Amino acid sequence: MNQWVDNRGHRAESLHSVDGKASKRALVNSPMSSHLLEEASKIIPNTAVLVNLVSKRVRQLTNGQKPMVEVGPRMSNADIALQEIIEGCLTFEYLSEDSSAG
């Protein structure tokens, strides 16, 4: 399993398991609040979708995009992404086969 330490000293693990499938364990082991994860899971119950959405948003925040929610002093980018989901600022939609054909 791939591990790294961010600039705040938090240990994190890769969001993908050895076989390439998204893992809820990876989300739980990252530096984020478990209560935020539980609340966001109620909104997006599909773990793979939640992992990918949070991962993409964390990347955006890391690259300088502004948070869409009020940020507390100890919130990680993952916490911010989860809070954005909980508050309805960050959403997703499933595209049907017909709509992706363009």
PDB file of N, CA and C in Angstrom:
ATOM      1  N   MET A   1       0.842  -1.175   0.000  1.00  0.00           N
ATOM      2  CA  MET A   1       0.000   0.000   0.000  1.00  0.00           C
ATOM      3  C   MET A   1       0.884   1.234   0.000  1.00  0.00           C
ATOM      4  N   ASN A   2       0.561   2.193  -0.836  1.00  0.00           N
ATOM      5  CA  ASN A   2       1.321   3.427  -0.915  1.00  0.00           C
ATOM      6  C   ASN A   2       0.966   4.347   0.236  1.00  0.00           C
ATOM      7  N   GLN A   3       1.991   4.923   0.864  1.00  0.00           N
ATOM      8  CA  GLN A   3       1.767   5.868   1.946  1.00  0.00           C
ATOM      9  C   GLN A   3       2.610   7.099   1.701  1.00  0.00           C
ATOM     10  N   TRP A   4       2.162   8.238   2.218  1.00  0.00           N
ATOM     11  CA  TRP A   4       2.927   9.461   2.137  1.00  0.00           C
ATOM     12  C   TRP A   4       2.578  10.330   3.330  1.00  0.00           C
ATOM     13  N   VAL A   5       3.374  11.351   3.563  1.00  0.00           N
ATOM     14  CA  VAL A   5       3.117  12.290   4.645  1.00  0.00           C
ATOM     15  C   VAL A   5       2.923  13.656   4.016  1.00  0.00           C
ATOM     16  N   ASP A   6       1.811  14.327   4.352  1.00  0.00           N
ATOM     17  CA  ASP A   6       1.574  15.648   3.773  1.00  0.00           C
ATOM     18  C   ASP A   6       2.352  16.701   4.545  1.00  0.00           C
ATOM     19  N   ASN A   7       2.212  17.969   4.127  1.00  0.00           N
ATOM     20  CA  ASN A   7       2.996  19.039   4.734  1.00  0.00           C
ATOM     21  C   ASN A   7       2.582  19.354   6.173  1.00  0.00           C
ATOM     22  N   ARG A   8       1.492  18.759   6.660  1.00  0.00           N
ATOM     23  CA  ARG A   8       1.083  18.935   8.053  1.00  0.00           C
ATOM     24  C   ARG A   8       1.515  17.742   8.908  1.00  0.00           C
ATOM     25  N   GLY A   9       2.198  16.780   8.318  1.00  0.00           N
ATOM     26  CA  GLY A   9       2.664  15.620   9.053  1.00  0.00           C
ATOM     27  C   GLY A   9       1.651  14.504   9.177  1.00  0.00           C
ATOM     28  N   HIS A  10       0.540  14.579   8.443  1.00  0.00           N
ATOM     29  CA  HIS A  10      -0.459  13.522   8.477  1.00  0.00           C
ATOM     30  C   HIS A  10      -0.032  12.376   7.568  1.00  0.00           C
ATOM     31  N   ARG A  11      -0.188  11.156   8.081  1.00  0.00           N
ATOM     32  CA  ARG A  11       0.087   9.991   7.252  1.00  0.00           C
ATOM     33  C   ARG A  11      -1.185   9.643   6.504  1.00  0.00           C
ATOM     34  N   ALA A  12      -1.049   9.401   5.228  1.00  0.00           N
ATOM     35  CA  ALA A  12      -2.214   9.032   4.420  1.00  0.00           C
ATOM     36  C   ALA A  12      -1.862   7.833   3.569  1.00  0.00           C
ATOM     37  N   GLU A  13      -2.883   7.126   3.127  1.00  0.00           N
ATOM     38  CA  GLU A  13      -2.687   5.971   2.271  1.00  0.00           C
ATOM     39  C   GLU A  13      -3.323   6.236   0.929  1.00  0.00           C
ATOM     40  N   SER A  14      -2.860   5.542  -0.064  1.00  0.00           N
ATOM     41  CA  SER A  14      -3.423   5.662  -1.397  1.00  0.00           C
ATOM     42  C   SER A  14      -4.918   5.391  -1.363  1.00  0.00           C
ATOM     43  N   LEU A  15      -5.677   6.086  -2.212  1.00  0.00           N
ATOM     44  CA  LEU A  15      -7.118   5.898  -2.264  1.00  0.00           C
ATOM     45  C   LEU A  15      -7.519   4.646  -3.026  1.00  0.00           C
ATOM     46  N   HIS A  16      -6.560   3.928  -3.570  1.00  0.00           N
ATOM     47  CA  HIS A  16      -6.884   2.724  -4.330  1.00  0.00           C
ATOM     48  C   HIS A  16      -6.147   1.533  -3.744  1.00  0.00           C
ATOM     49  N   SER A  17      -6.805   0.408  -3.738  1.00  0.00           N
ATOM     50  CA  SER A  17      -6.188  -0.814  -3.248  1.00  0.00           C
ATOM     51  C   SER A  17      -5.311  -1.397  -4.348  1.00  0.00           C
ATOM     52  N   VAL A  18      -4.675  -2.505  -4.053  1.00  0.00           N
ATOM     53  CA  VAL A  18      -3.760  -3.138  -4.997  1.00  0.00           C
ATOM     54  C   VAL A  18      -4.452  -3.473  -6.317  1.00  0.00           C
ATOM     55  N   ASP A  19      -5.718  -3.908  -6.248  1.00  0.00           N
ATOM     56  CA  ASP A  19      -6.413  -4.275  -7.477  1.00  0.00           C
ATOM     57  C   ASP A  19      -7.032  -3.062  -8.181  1.00  0.00           C
ATOM     58  N   GLY A  20      -6.807  -1.841  -7.668  1.00  0.00           N
ATOM     59  CA  GLY A  20      -7.276  -0.639  -8.334  1.00  0.00           C
ATOM     60  C   GLY A  20      -8.685  -0.215  -7.978  1.00  0.00           C
ATOM     61  N   LYS A  21      -9.346  -0.933  -7.086  1.00  0.00           N
ATOM     62  CA  LYS A  21     -10.706  -0.575  -6.713  1.00  0.00           C
ATOM     63  C   LYS A  21     -10.676   0.400  -5.543  1.00  0.00           C
ATOM     64  N   ALA A  22     -11.608   1.330  -5.545  1.00  0.00           N
ATOM     65  CA  ALA A  22     -11.691   2.311  -4.476  1.00  0.00           C
ATOM     66  C   ALA A  22     -11.970   1.612  -3.154  1.00  0.00           C
ATOM     67  N   SER A  23     -11.411   2.138  -2.104  1.00  0.00           N
ATOM     68  CA  SER A  23     -11.524   1.486  -0.807  1.00  0.00           C
ATOM     69  C   SER A  23     -12.027   2.457   0.253  1.00  0.00           C
ATOM     70  N   LYS A  24     -13.066   2.063   0.980  1.00  0.00           N
ATOM     71  CA  LYS A  24     -13.565   2.888   2.083  1.00  0.00           C
ATOM     72  C   LYS A  24     -12.501   2.986   3.166  1.00  0.00           C
ATOM     73  N   ARG A  25     -11.713   1.937   3.341  1.00  0.00           N
ATOM     74  CA  ARG A  25     -10.650   1.935   4.338  1.00  0.00           C
ATOM     75  C   ARG A  25      -9.660   3.069   4.071  1.00  0.00           C
ATOM     76  N   ALA A  26      -9.382   3.341   2.805  1.00  0.00           N
ATOM     77  CA  ALA A  26      -8.468   4.430   2.468  1.00  0.00           C
ATOM     78  C   ALA A  26      -9.019   5.757   2.942  1.00  0.00           C
ATOM     79  N   LEU A  27     -10.325   5.967   2.781  1.00  0.00           N
ATOM     80  CA  LEU A  27     -10.927   7.207   3.260  1.00  0.00           C
ATOM     81  C   LEU A  27     -10.866   7.293   4.773  1.00  0.00           C
ATOM     82  N   VAL A  28     -11.139   6.189   5.455  1.00  0.00           N
ATOM     83  CA  VAL A  28     -11.161   6.196   6.913  1.00  0.00           C
ATOM     84  C   VAL A  28      -9.771   6.452   7.467  1.00  0.00           C
ATOM     85  N   ASN A  29      -8.716   5.981   6.808  1.00  0.00           N
ATOM     86  CA  ASN A  29      -7.357   6.147   7.298  1.00  0.00           C
ATOM     87  C   ASN A  29      -6.748   7.504   6.965  1.00  0.00           C
ATOM     88  N   SER A  30      -7.417   8.306   6.162  1.00  0.00           N
ATOM     89  CA  SER A  30      -6.872   9.616   5.852  1.00  0.00           C
ATOM     90  C   SER A  30      -7.228  10.586   6.964  1.00  0.00           C
ATOM     91  N   PRO A  31      -6.530  11.720   7.034  1.00  0.00           N
ATOM     92  CA  PRO A  31      -6.752  12.652   8.135  1.00  0.00           C
ATOM     93  C   PRO A  31      -8.046  13.448   7.960  1.00  0.00           C
ATOM     94  N   MET A  32      -9.171  12.861   8.312  1.00  0.00           N
ATOM     95  CA  MET A  32     -10.452  13.554   8.226  1.00  0.00           C
ATOM     96  C   MET A  32     -11.332  13.104   9.372  1.00  0.00           C
ATOM     97  N   SER A  33     -12.347  13.877   9.624  1.00  0.00           N
ATOM     98  CA  SER A  33     -13.250  13.576  10.731  1.00  0.00           C
ATOM     99  C   SER A  33     -14.202  12.451  10.355  1.00  0.00           C
ATOM    100  N   SER A  34     -14.318  11.464  11.230  1.00  0.00           N
ATOM    101  CA  SER A  34     -15.185  10.322  10.941  1.00  0.00           C
ATOM    102  C   SER A  34     -16.654  10.728  10.903  1.00  0.00           C
ATOM    103  N   HIS A  35     -17.040  11.718  11.715  1.00  0.00           N
ATOM    104  CA  HIS A  35     -18.447  12.134  11.678  1.00  0.00           C
ATOM    105  C   HIS A  35     -18.794  12.793  10.348  1.00  0.00           C
ATOM    106  N   LEU A  36     -17.835  13.493   9.729  1.00  0.00           N
ATOM    107  CA  LEU A  36     -18.077  14.082   8.407  1.00  0.00           C
ATOM    108  C   LEU A  36     -18.227  12.976   7.368  1.00  0.00           C
ATOM    109  N   LEU A  37     -17.402  11.953   7.487  1.00  0.00           N
ATOM    110  CA  LEU A  37     -17.480  10.822   6.560  1.00  0.00           C
ATOM    111  C   LEU A  37     -18.829  10.129   6.681  1.00  0.00           C
ATOM    112  N   GLU A  38     -19.294   9.929   7.903  1.00  0.00           N
ATOM    113  CA  GLU A  38     -20.593   9.283   8.110  1.00  0.00           C
ATOM    114  C   GLU A  38     -21.726  10.113   7.510  1.00  0.00           C
ATOM    115  N   GLU A  39     -21.694  11.424   7.724  1.00  0.00           N
ATOM    116  CA  GLU A  39     -22.741  12.302   7.186  1.00  0.00           C
ATOM    117  C   GLU A  39     -22.713  12.328   5.661  1.00  0.00           C
ATOM    118  N   ALA A  40     -21.528  12.413   5.075  1.00  0.00           N
ATOM    119  CA  ALA A  40     -21.402  12.433   3.614  1.00  0.00           C
ATOM    120  C   ALA A  40     -21.841  11.092   3.024  1.00  0.00           C
ATOM    121  N   SER A  41     -21.605   9.994   3.745  1.00  0.00           N
ATOM    122  CA  SER A  41     -22.023   8.667   3.279  1.00  0.00           C
ATOM    123  C   SER A  41     -23.542   8.529   3.225  1.00  0.00           C
ATOM    124  N   LYS A  42     -24.239   9.305   4.033  1.00  0.00           N
ATOM    125  CA  LYS A  42     -25.706   9.309   3.975  1.00  0.00           C
ATOM    126  C   LYS A  42     -26.193   9.979   2.690  1.00  0.00           C
ATOM    127  N   ILE A  43     -25.416  10.936   2.193  1.00  0.00           N
ATOM    128  CA  ILE A  43     -25.788  11.666   0.977  1.00  0.00           C
ATOM    129  C   ILE A  43     -25.338  10.902  -0.264  1.00  0.00           C
ATOM    130  N   ILE A  44     -24.126  10.346  -0.208  1.00  0.00           N
ATOM    131  CA  ILE A  44     -23.575   9.558  -1.315  1.00  0.00           C
ATOM    132  C   ILE A  44     -23.210   8.181  -0.757  1.00  0.00           C
ATOM    133  N   PRO A  45     -24.166   7.248  -0.755  1.00  0.00           N
ATOM    134  CA  PRO A  45     -23.923   5.942  -0.138  1.00  0.00           C
ATOM    135  C   PRO A  45     -22.962   5.043  -0.921  1.00  0.00           C
ATOM    136  N   ASN A  46     -22.753   5.313  -2.195  1.00  0.00           N
ATOM    137  CA  ASN A  46     -21.834   4.519  -3.004  1.00  0.00           C
ATOM    138  C   ASN A  46     -20.403   4.927  -2.652  1.00  0.00           C
ATOM    139  N   THR A  47     -19.683   4.028  -1.994  1.00  0.00           N
ATOM    140  CA  THR A  47     -18.336   4.329  -1.504  1.00  0.00           C
ATOM    141  C   THR A  47     -17.377   4.732  -2.615  1.00  0.00           C
ATOM    142  N   ALA A  48     -17.432   4.041  -3.735  1.00  0.00           N
ATOM    143  CA  ALA A  48     -16.520   4.355  -4.845  1.00  0.00           C
ATOM    144  C   ALA A  48     -16.760   5.770  -5.357  1.00  0.00           C
ATOM    145  N   VAL A  49     -18.005   6.167  -5.476  1.00  0.00           N
ATOM    146  CA  VAL A  49     -18.333   7.521  -5.944  1.00  0.00           C
ATOM    147  C   VAL A  49     -17.859   8.548  -4.918  1.00  0.00           C
ATOM    148  N   LEU A  50     -18.101   8.280  -3.641  1.00  0.00           N
ATOM    149  CA  LEU A  50     -17.678   9.206  -2.590  1.00  0.00           C
ATOM    150  C   LEU A  50     -16.161   9.373  -2.572  1.00  0.00           C
ATOM    151  N   VAL A  51     -15.435   8.266  -2.656  1.00  0.00           N
ATOM    152  CA  VAL A  51     -13.965   8.320  -2.675  1.00  0.00           C
ATOM    153  C   VAL A  51     -13.480   9.149  -3.860  1.00  0.00           C
ATOM    154  N   ASN A  52     -14.032   8.892  -5.031  1.00  0.00           N
ATOM    155  CA  ASN A  52     -13.581   9.620  -6.222  1.00  0.00           C
ATOM    156  C   ASN A  52     -13.938  11.095  -6.163  1.00  0.00           C
ATOM    157  N   LEU A  53     -15.121  11.426  -5.664  1.00  0.00           N
ATOM    158  CA  LEU A  53     -15.536  12.817  -5.564  1.00  0.00           C
ATOM    159  C   LEU A  53     -14.661  13.579  -4.570  1.00  0.00           C
ATOM    160  N   VAL A  54     -14.436  12.992  -3.404  1.00  0.00           N
ATOM    161  CA  VAL A  54     -13.587  13.638  -2.399  1.00  0.00           C
ATOM    162  C   VAL A  54     -12.154  13.774  -2.916  1.00  0.00           C
ATOM    163  N   SER A  55     -11.651  12.740  -3.551  1.00  0.00           N
ATOM    164  CA  SER A  55     -10.291  12.770  -4.085  1.00  0.00           C
ATOM    165  C   SER A  55     -10.109  13.891  -5.104  1.00  0.00           C
ATOM    166  N   LYS A  56     -11.057  14.002  -6.016  1.00  0.00           N
ATOM    167  CA  LYS A  56     -10.959  15.045  -7.042  1.00  0.00           C
ATOM    168  C   LYS A  56     -11.046  16.435  -6.412  1.00  0.00           C
ATOM    169  N   ARG A  57     -11.940  16.608  -5.448  1.00  0.00           N
ATOM    170  CA  ARG A  57     -12.090  17.914  -4.804  1.00  0.00           C
ATOM    171  C   ARG A  57     -10.864  18.263  -3.972  1.00  0.00           C
ATOM    172  N   VAL A  58     -10.276  17.283  -3.283  1.00  0.00           N
ATOM    173  CA  VAL A  58      -9.044  17.530  -2.526  1.00  0.00           C
ATOM    174  C   VAL A  58      -7.941  18.006  -3.465  1.00  0.00           C
ATOM    175  N   ARG A  59      -7.847  17.375  -4.622  1.00  0.00           N
ATOM    176  CA  ARG A  59      -6.856  17.794  -5.620  1.00  0.00           C
ATOM    177  C   ARG A  59      -7.087  19.243  -6.028  1.00  0.00           C
ATOM    178  N   GLN A  60      -8.349  19.617  -6.254  1.00  0.00           N
ATOM    179  CA  GLN A  60      -8.674  20.989  -6.638  1.00  0.00           C
ATOM    180  C   GLN A  60      -8.302  21.970  -5.524  1.00  0.00           C
ATOM    181  N   LEU A  61      -8.633  21.632  -4.294  1.00  0.00           N
ATOM    182  CA  LEU A  61      -8.301  22.503  -3.161  1.00  0.00           C
ATOM    183  C   LEU A  61      -6.792  22.637  -2.992  1.00  0.00           C
ATOM    184  N   THR A  62      -6.087  21.535  -3.160  1.00  0.00           N
ATOM    185  CA  THR A  62      -4.628  21.550  -3.059  1.00  0.00           C
ATOM    186  C   THR A  62      -4.011  22.451  -4.129  1.00  0.00           C
ATOM    187  N   ASN A  63      -4.649  22.495  -5.289  1.00  0.00           N
ATOM    188  CA  ASN A  63      -4.155  23.327  -6.395  1.00  0.00           C
ATOM    189  C   ASN A  63      -4.630  24.769  -6.324  1.00  0.00           C
ATOM    190  N   GLY A  64      -5.269  25.160  -5.213  1.00  0.00           N
ATOM    191  CA  GLY A  64      -5.583  26.567  -5.002  1.00  0.00           C
ATOM    192  C   GLY A  64      -7.030  26.996  -5.138  1.00  0.00           C
ATOM    193  N   GLN A  65      -7.941  26.091  -5.488  1.00  0.00           N
ATOM    194  CA  GLN A  65      -9.344  26.504  -5.552  1.00  0.00           C
ATOM    195  C   GLN A  65      -9.847  26.831  -4.155  1.00  0.00           C
ATOM    196  N   LYS A  66     -10.735  27.801  -4.078  1.00  0.00           N
ATOM    197  CA  LYS A  66     -11.266  28.262  -2.797  1.00  0.00           C
ATOM    198  C   LYS A  66     -12.358  27.322  -2.285  1.00  0.00           C
ATOM    199  N   PRO A  67     -12.395  27.074  -0.984  1.00  0.00           N
ATOM    200  CA  PRO A  67     -13.467  26.273  -0.402  1.00  0.00           C
ATOM    201  C   PRO A  67     -14.819  26.961  -0.565  1.00  0.00           C
ATOM    202  N   MET A  68     -15.871  26.159  -0.686  1.00  0.00           N
ATOM    203  CA  MET A  68     -17.228  26.686  -0.838  1.00  0.00           C
ATOM    204  C   MET A  68     -17.974  26.695   0.500  1.00  0.00           C
ATOM    205  N   VAL A  69     -17.273  26.363   1.582  1.00  0.00           N
ATOM    206  CA  VAL A  69     -17.854  26.349   2.925  1.00  0.00           C
ATOM    207  C   VAL A  69     -16.913  27.088   3.861  1.00  0.00           C
ATOM    208  N   GLU A  70     -17.431  27.423   5.029  1.00  0.00           N
ATOM    209  CA  GLU A  70     -16.588  28.047   6.050  1.00  0.00           C
ATOM    210  C   GLU A  70     -15.604  27.005   6.572  1.00  0.00           C
ATOM    211  N   VAL A  71     -14.335  27.383   6.662  1.00  0.00           N
ATOM    212  CA  VAL A  71     -13.275  26.448   7.034  1.00  0.00           C
ATOM    213  C   VAL A  71     -12.839  26.706   8.469  1.00  0.00           C
ATOM    214  N   GLY A  72     -12.815  25.635   9.253  1.00  0.00           N
ATOM    215  CA  GLY A  72     -12.339  25.711  10.630  1.00  0.00           C
ATOM    216  C   GLY A  72     -10.821  25.602  10.682  1.00  0.00           C
ATOM    217  N   PRO A  73     -10.231  25.892  11.837  1.00  0.00           N
ATOM    218  CA  PRO A  73      -8.762  25.934  11.950  1.00  0.00           C
ATOM    219  C   PRO A  73      -8.077  24.585  11.763  1.00  0.00           C
ATOM    220  N   ARG A  74      -8.739  23.485  12.032  1.00  0.00           N
ATOM    221  CA  ARG A  74      -8.080  22.171  11.926  1.00  0.00           C
ATOM    222  C   ARG A  74      -8.656  21.310  10.818  1.00  0.00           C
ATOM    223  N   MET A  75      -9.357  21.903   9.877  1.00  0.00           N
ATOM    224  CA  MET A  75      -9.972  21.122   8.801  1.00  0.00           C
ATOM    225  C   MET A  75      -8.944  20.806   7.713  1.00  0.00           C
ATOM    226  N   SER A  76      -8.851  19.536   7.369  1.00  0.00           N
ATOM    227  CA  SER A  76      -8.008  19.142   6.243  1.00  0.00           C
ATOM    228  C   SER A  76      -8.788  19.380   4.954  1.00  0.00           C
ATOM    229  N   ASN A  77      -8.120  19.269   3.816  1.00  0.00           N
ATOM    230  CA  ASN A  77      -8.814  19.409   2.531  1.00  0.00           C
ATOM    231  C   ASN A  77      -9.891  18.336   2.369  1.00  0.00           C
ATOM    232  N   ALA A  78      -9.642  17.153   2.913  1.00  0.00           N
ATOM    233  CA  ALA A  78     -10.658  16.093   2.860  1.00  0.00           C
ATOM    234  C   ALA A  78     -11.876  16.473   3.701  1.00  0.00           C
ATOM    235  N   ASP A  79     -11.646  17.073   4.875  1.00  0.00           N
ATOM    236  CA  ASP A  79     -12.755  17.554   5.703  1.00  0.00           C
ATOM    237  C   ASP A  79     -13.567  18.603   4.956  1.00  0.00           C
ATOM    238  N   ILE A  80     -12.872  19.504   4.290  1.00  0.00           N
ATOM    239  CA  ILE A  80     -13.550  20.561   3.530  1.00  0.00           C
ATOM    240  C   ILE A  80     -14.409  19.955   2.434  1.00  0.00           C
ATOM    241  N   ALA A  81     -13.856  18.989   1.691  1.00  0.00           N
ATOM    242  CA  ALA A  81     -14.605  18.337   0.612  1.00  0.00           C
ATOM    243  C   ALA A  81     -15.846  17.636   1.160  1.00  0.00           C
ATOM    244  N   LEU A  82     -15.699  16.931   2.279  1.00  0.00           N
ATOM    245  CA  LEU A  82     -16.838  16.253   2.887  1.00  0.00           C
ATOM    246  C   LEU A  82     -17.885  17.263   3.360  1.00  0.00           C
ATOM    247  N   GLN A  83     -17.450  18.363   3.960  1.00  0.00           N
ATOM    248  CA  GLN A  83     -18.379  19.391   4.415  1.00  0.00           C
ATOM    249  C   GLN A  83     -19.114  20.007   3.233  1.00  0.00           C
ATOM    250  N   GLU A  84     -18.433  20.176   2.112  1.00  0.00           N
ATOM    251  CA  GLU A  84     -19.072  20.702   0.896  1.00  0.00           C
ATOM    252  C   GLU A  84     -20.168  19.749   0.410  1.00  0.00           C
ATOM    253  N   ILE A  85     -19.919  18.455   0.516  1.00  0.00           N
ATOM    254  CA  ILE A  85     -20.935  17.459   0.141  1.00  0.00           C
ATOM    255  C   ILE A  85     -22.118  17.545   1.095  1.00  0.00           C
ATOM    256  N   ILE A  86     -21.842  17.605   2.384  1.00  0.00           N
ATOM    257  CA  ILE A  86     -22.891  17.647   3.403  1.00  0.00           C
ATOM    258  C   ILE A  86     -23.771  18.877   3.231  1.00  0.00           C
ATOM    259  N   GLU A  87     -23.167  20.022   2.934  1.00  0.00           N
ATOM    260  CA  GLU A  87     -23.925  21.267   2.797  1.00  0.00           C
ATOM    261  C   GLU A  87     -24.555  21.436   1.415  1.00  0.00           C
ATOM    262  N   GLY A  88     -24.326  20.481   0.533  1.00  0.00           N
ATOM    263  CA  GLY A  88     -24.944  20.536  -0.790  1.00  0.00           C
ATOM    264  C   GLY A  88     -24.227  21.431  -1.788  1.00  0.00           C
ATOM    265  N   CYS A  89     -23.027  21.868  -1.443  1.00  0.00           N
ATOM    266  CA  CYS A  89     -22.245  22.713  -2.355  1.00  0.00           C
ATOM    267  C   CYS A  89     -21.545  21.884  -3.425  1.00  0.00           C
ATOM    268  N   LEU A  90     -21.269  20.639  -3.126  1.00  0.00           N
ATOM    269  CA  LEU A  90     -20.565  19.733  -4.027  1.00  0.00           C
ATOM    270  C   LEU A  90     -21.486  18.553  -4.294  1.00  0.00           C
ATOM    271  N   THR A  91     -21.878  18.395  -5.533  1.00  0.00           N
ATOM    272  CA  THR A  91     -22.812  17.334  -5.901  1.00  0.00           C
ATOM    273  C   THR A  91     -22.266  16.548  -7.086  1.00  0.00           C
ATOM    274  N   PHE A  92     -22.992  15.521  -7.466  1.00  0.00           N
ATOM    275  CA  PHE A  92     -22.640  14.720  -8.632  1.00  0.00           C
ATOM    276  C   PHE A  92     -23.929  14.230  -9.258  1.00  0.00           C
ATOM    277  N   GLU A  93     -23.820  13.736 -10.461  1.00  0.00           N
ATOM    278  CA  GLU A  93     -24.962  13.092 -11.082  1.00  0.00           C
ATOM    279  C   GLU A  93     -24.455  11.948 -11.944  1.00  0.00           C
ATOM    280  N   TYR A  94     -25.257  10.900 -12.016  1.00  0.00           N
ATOM    281  CA  TYR A  94     -24.928   9.777 -12.879  1.00  0.00           C
ATOM    282  C   TYR A  94     -25.376  10.145 -14.289  1.00  0.00           C
ATOM    283  N   LEU A  95     -24.513   9.930 -15.255  1.00  0.00           N
ATOM    284  CA  LEU A  95     -24.876  10.172 -16.648  1.00  0.00           C
ATOM    285  C   LEU A  95     -25.325   8.870 -17.273  1.00  0.00           C
ATOM    286  N   SER A  96     -26.397   8.949 -18.027  1.00  0.00           N
ATOM    287  CA  SER A  96     -26.872   7.758 -18.720  1.00  0.00           C
ATOM    288  C   SER A  96     -26.023   7.537 -19.964  1.00  0.00           C
ATOM    289  N   GLU A  97     -26.121   6.369 -20.524  1.00  0.00           N
ATOM    290  CA  GLU A  97     -25.391   6.036 -21.753  1.00  0.00           C
ATOM    291  C   GLU A  97     -25.749   7.022 -22.874  1.00  0.00           C
ATOM    292  N   ASP A  98     -27.016   7.409 -22.963  1.00  0.00           N
ATOM    293  CA  ASP A  98     -27.477   8.306 -24.011  1.00  0.00           C
ATOM    294  C   ASP A  98     -26.860   9.697 -23.898  1.00  0.00           C
ATOM    295  N   SER A  99     -26.763  10.244 -22.683  1.00  0.00           N
ATOM    296  CA  SER A  99     -26.264  11.598 -22.515  1.00  0.00           C
ATOM    297  C   SER A  99     -24.761  11.689 -22.700  1.00  0.00           C
ATOM    298  N   SER A 100     -24.012  10.601 -22.522  1.00  0.00           N
ATOM    299  CA  SER A 100     -22.578  10.648 -22.711  1.00  0.00           C
ATOM    300  C   SER A 100     -22.166  10.476 -24.167  1.00  0.00           C
ATOM    301  N   ALA A 101     -23.093  10.066 -25.025  1.00  0.00           N
ATOM    302  CA  ALA A 101     -22.775   9.859 -26.445  1.00  0.00           C
ATOM    303  C   ALA A 101     -22.609  11.189 -27.173  1.00  0.00           C
ATOM    304  N   GLY A 102     -23.144  12.260 -26.615  1.00  0.00           N
ATOM    305  CA  GLY A 102     -22.935  13.596 -27.090  1.00  0.00           C
ATOM    306  C   GLY A 102     -23.665  13.913 -28.303  1.00  0.00           C
TER     307      GLY A 102
END
